[in-house]
Structures are given as C-alpha cells and as structure tokens.
Amino acid sequence: MQNYTRQSAYDLREILARDKDFVKAVIKAKPTYLGDAVPVSGNGDVTNDKIFSP
C-alpha cells in the first residue's frame, strides 16, 4: 500500500463535502441556475454557441 502525504487532508475535505451536501438535501435549498432552462427534447441545437458550416 502506498503512503500518500496529504491523504488525511483529502479525507477531511471529502467528509466536509458530504456533510454539506447532506445538509443541503435536508433543508432543500433552491438550486442556482446560470441561464434559461433548456428542454431535453429535440436535437440540441438550442445549446449551440455558433452556426456550424462545413
């Protein structure tokens, strides 16, 4: 088994991240969105940034 020098710090970070996510799930925090909703139906052209021309 290898010895990772910062493994304890990584483990602590993961524990804190899981605790934060658990609390957010329990209190049902409103999600933040970066833009308008994009429908999942269709061909996906709505998400293209520019017109593709071969």
N, C-alpha and C. Protein backbone atom coordinates (compact mmCIF):
# COMPACT_ATOMS: atom_id res chain seq x y z
N MET A 1 0.84 -1.18 0.00
CA MET A 1 0.00 0.00 0.00
C MET A 1 0.89 1.25 0.00
N GLN A 2 0.54 2.21 -0.83
CA GLN A 2 1.32 3.44 -0.92
C GLN A 2 0.94 4.40 0.19
N ASN A 3 1.89 5.25 0.53
CA ASN A 3 1.66 6.27 1.54
C ASN A 3 1.49 7.61 0.82
N TYR A 4 0.31 8.20 0.91
CA TYR A 4 0.04 9.50 0.31
C TYR A 4 0.21 10.57 1.37
N THR A 5 1.03 11.56 1.06
CA THR A 5 1.39 12.54 2.08
C THR A 5 0.21 13.40 2.53
N ARG A 6 -0.71 13.72 1.65
CA ARG A 6 -1.82 14.61 2.02
C ARG A 6 -3.15 13.86 2.13
N GLN A 7 -3.12 12.56 2.30
CA GLN A 7 -4.35 11.77 2.33
C GLN A 7 -5.30 12.21 3.43
N SER A 8 -4.78 12.56 4.59
CA SER A 8 -5.65 12.99 5.70
C SER A 8 -6.41 14.25 5.34
N ALA A 9 -5.75 15.18 4.67
CA ALA A 9 -6.42 16.42 4.25
C ALA A 9 -7.50 16.13 3.22
N TYR A 10 -7.20 15.21 2.29
CA TYR A 10 -8.19 14.85 1.27
C TYR A 10 -9.40 14.16 1.91
N ASP A 11 -9.13 13.28 2.87
CA ASP A 11 -10.23 12.59 3.55
C ASP A 11 -11.11 13.58 4.31
N LEU A 12 -10.49 14.53 4.99
CA LEU A 12 -11.26 15.54 5.73
C LEU A 12 -12.10 16.38 4.78
N ARG A 13 -11.53 16.76 3.65
CA ARG A 13 -12.27 17.55 2.66
C ARG A 13 -13.50 16.79 2.16
N GLU A 14 -13.33 15.49 1.90
CA GLU A 14 -14.45 14.68 1.43
C GLU A 14 -15.54 14.55 2.50
N ILE A 15 -15.15 14.39 3.74
CA ILE A 15 -16.13 14.30 4.83
C ILE A 15 -16.93 15.58 4.93
N LEU A 16 -16.25 16.72 4.88
CA LEU A 16 -16.94 18.00 4.96
C LEU A 16 -17.85 18.23 3.75
N ALA A 17 -17.42 17.81 2.57
CA ALA A 17 -18.25 17.97 1.38
C ALA A 17 -19.51 17.13 1.48
N ARG A 18 -19.39 15.91 1.99
CA ARG A 18 -20.57 15.05 2.16
C ARG A 18 -21.52 15.64 3.19
N ASP A 19 -20.97 16.16 4.28
CA ASP A 19 -21.83 16.78 5.31
C ASP A 19 -22.58 17.98 4.74
N LYS A 20 -21.88 18.80 3.96
CA LYS A 20 -22.52 19.98 3.35
C LYS A 20 -23.64 19.54 2.41
N ASP A 21 -23.39 18.53 1.58
CA ASP A 21 -24.42 18.06 0.66
C ASP A 21 -25.61 17.46 1.40
N PHE A 22 -25.35 16.76 2.49
CA PHE A 22 -26.44 16.19 3.28
C PHE A 22 -27.33 17.30 3.85
N VAL A 23 -26.71 18.33 4.40
CA VAL A 23 -27.48 19.44 4.97
C VAL A 23 -28.29 20.14 3.88
N LYS A 24 -27.69 20.35 2.72
CA LYS A 24 -28.42 20.99 1.62
C LYS A 24 -29.60 20.14 1.17
N ALA A 25 -29.45 18.82 1.20
CA ALA A 25 -30.55 17.93 0.81
C ALA A 25 -31.67 17.97 1.85
N VAL A 26 -31.30 18.04 3.11
CA VAL A 26 -32.31 18.06 4.18
C VAL A 26 -33.10 19.36 4.17
N ILE A 27 -32.41 20.49 4.00
CA ILE A 27 -33.13 21.77 4.03
C ILE A 27 -33.71 22.13 2.67
N LYS A 28 -33.41 21.33 1.66
CA LYS A 28 -33.95 21.50 0.31
C LYS A 28 -33.70 22.91 -0.22
N ALA A 29 -32.43 23.27 -0.26
CA ALA A 29 -32.03 24.59 -0.75
C ALA A 29 -32.41 24.73 -2.23
N LYS A 30 -32.80 25.91 -2.60
CA LYS A 30 -33.14 26.18 -4.00
C LYS A 30 -31.87 26.14 -4.85
N PRO A 31 -31.90 25.45 -5.98
CA PRO A 31 -30.71 25.41 -6.84
C PRO A 31 -30.51 26.74 -7.56
N THR A 32 -29.29 27.02 -7.93
CA THR A 32 -28.99 28.21 -8.71
C THR A 32 -28.71 27.80 -10.14
N TYR A 33 -29.25 28.55 -11.05
CA TYR A 33 -29.10 28.24 -12.46
C TYR A 33 -28.34 29.37 -13.15
N LEU A 34 -27.59 29.03 -14.17
CA LEU A 34 -26.79 30.03 -14.86
C LEU A 34 -27.50 30.61 -16.07
N GLY A 35 -28.67 30.14 -16.39
CA GLY A 35 -29.37 30.66 -17.55
C GLY A 35 -30.78 30.10 -17.66
N ASP A 36 -31.37 30.27 -18.82
CA ASP A 36 -32.72 29.77 -19.05
C ASP A 36 -32.71 28.25 -19.13
N ALA A 37 -33.86 27.66 -18.83
CA ALA A 37 -33.98 26.21 -18.92
C ALA A 37 -33.92 25.78 -20.38
N VAL A 38 -33.24 24.68 -20.62
CA VAL A 38 -33.12 24.12 -21.97
C VAL A 38 -33.90 22.82 -21.98
N PRO A 39 -34.89 22.67 -22.88
CA PRO A 39 -35.67 21.44 -22.90
C PRO A 39 -34.80 20.25 -23.32
N VAL A 40 -35.10 19.08 -22.75
CA VAL A 40 -34.33 17.89 -23.10
C VAL A 40 -34.84 17.21 -24.35
N SER A 41 -35.99 17.61 -24.84
CA SER A 41 -36.49 17.04 -26.08
C SER A 41 -35.92 17.82 -27.26
N GLY A 42 -35.84 17.23 -28.39
CA GLY A 42 -35.32 17.91 -29.57
C GLY A 42 -33.92 17.44 -29.91
N ASN A 43 -33.26 18.18 -30.82
CA ASN A 43 -31.96 17.74 -31.31
C ASN A 43 -30.78 18.44 -30.63
N GLY A 44 -30.98 19.38 -29.74
CA GLY A 44 -29.90 20.02 -29.02
C GLY A 44 -29.34 21.27 -29.67
N ASP A 45 -29.91 21.73 -30.78
CA ASP A 45 -29.40 22.92 -31.44
C ASP A 45 -29.51 24.18 -30.58
N VAL A 46 -30.39 24.16 -29.60
CA VAL A 46 -30.59 25.32 -28.74
C VAL A 46 -29.31 25.65 -27.99
N THR A 47 -28.49 24.65 -27.70
CA THR A 47 -27.28 24.87 -26.91
C THR A 47 -26.05 25.22 -27.74
N ASN A 48 -26.17 25.24 -29.04
CA ASN A 48 -25.02 25.59 -29.90
C ASN A 48 -24.70 27.07 -29.77
N ASP A 49 -23.42 27.40 -29.63
CA ASP A 49 -23.00 28.79 -29.50
C ASP A 49 -22.94 29.52 -30.83
N LYS A 50 -22.57 28.83 -31.87
CA LYS A 50 -22.47 29.46 -33.18
C LYS A 50 -22.90 28.48 -34.25
N ILE A 51 -23.16 29.02 -35.42
CA ILE A 51 -23.62 28.19 -36.53
C ILE A 51 -22.44 27.44 -37.12
N PHE A 52 -22.63 26.15 -37.30
CA PHE A 52 -21.58 25.30 -37.89
C PHE A 52 -21.80 25.20 -39.39
N SER A 53 -20.80 25.55 -40.13
CA SER A 53 -20.88 25.39 -41.57
C SER A 53 -19.64 24.67 -42.07
N PRO A 54 -19.81 23.49 -42.65
CA PRO A 54 -18.65 22.68 -43.07
C PRO A 54 -17.89 23.28 -44.24
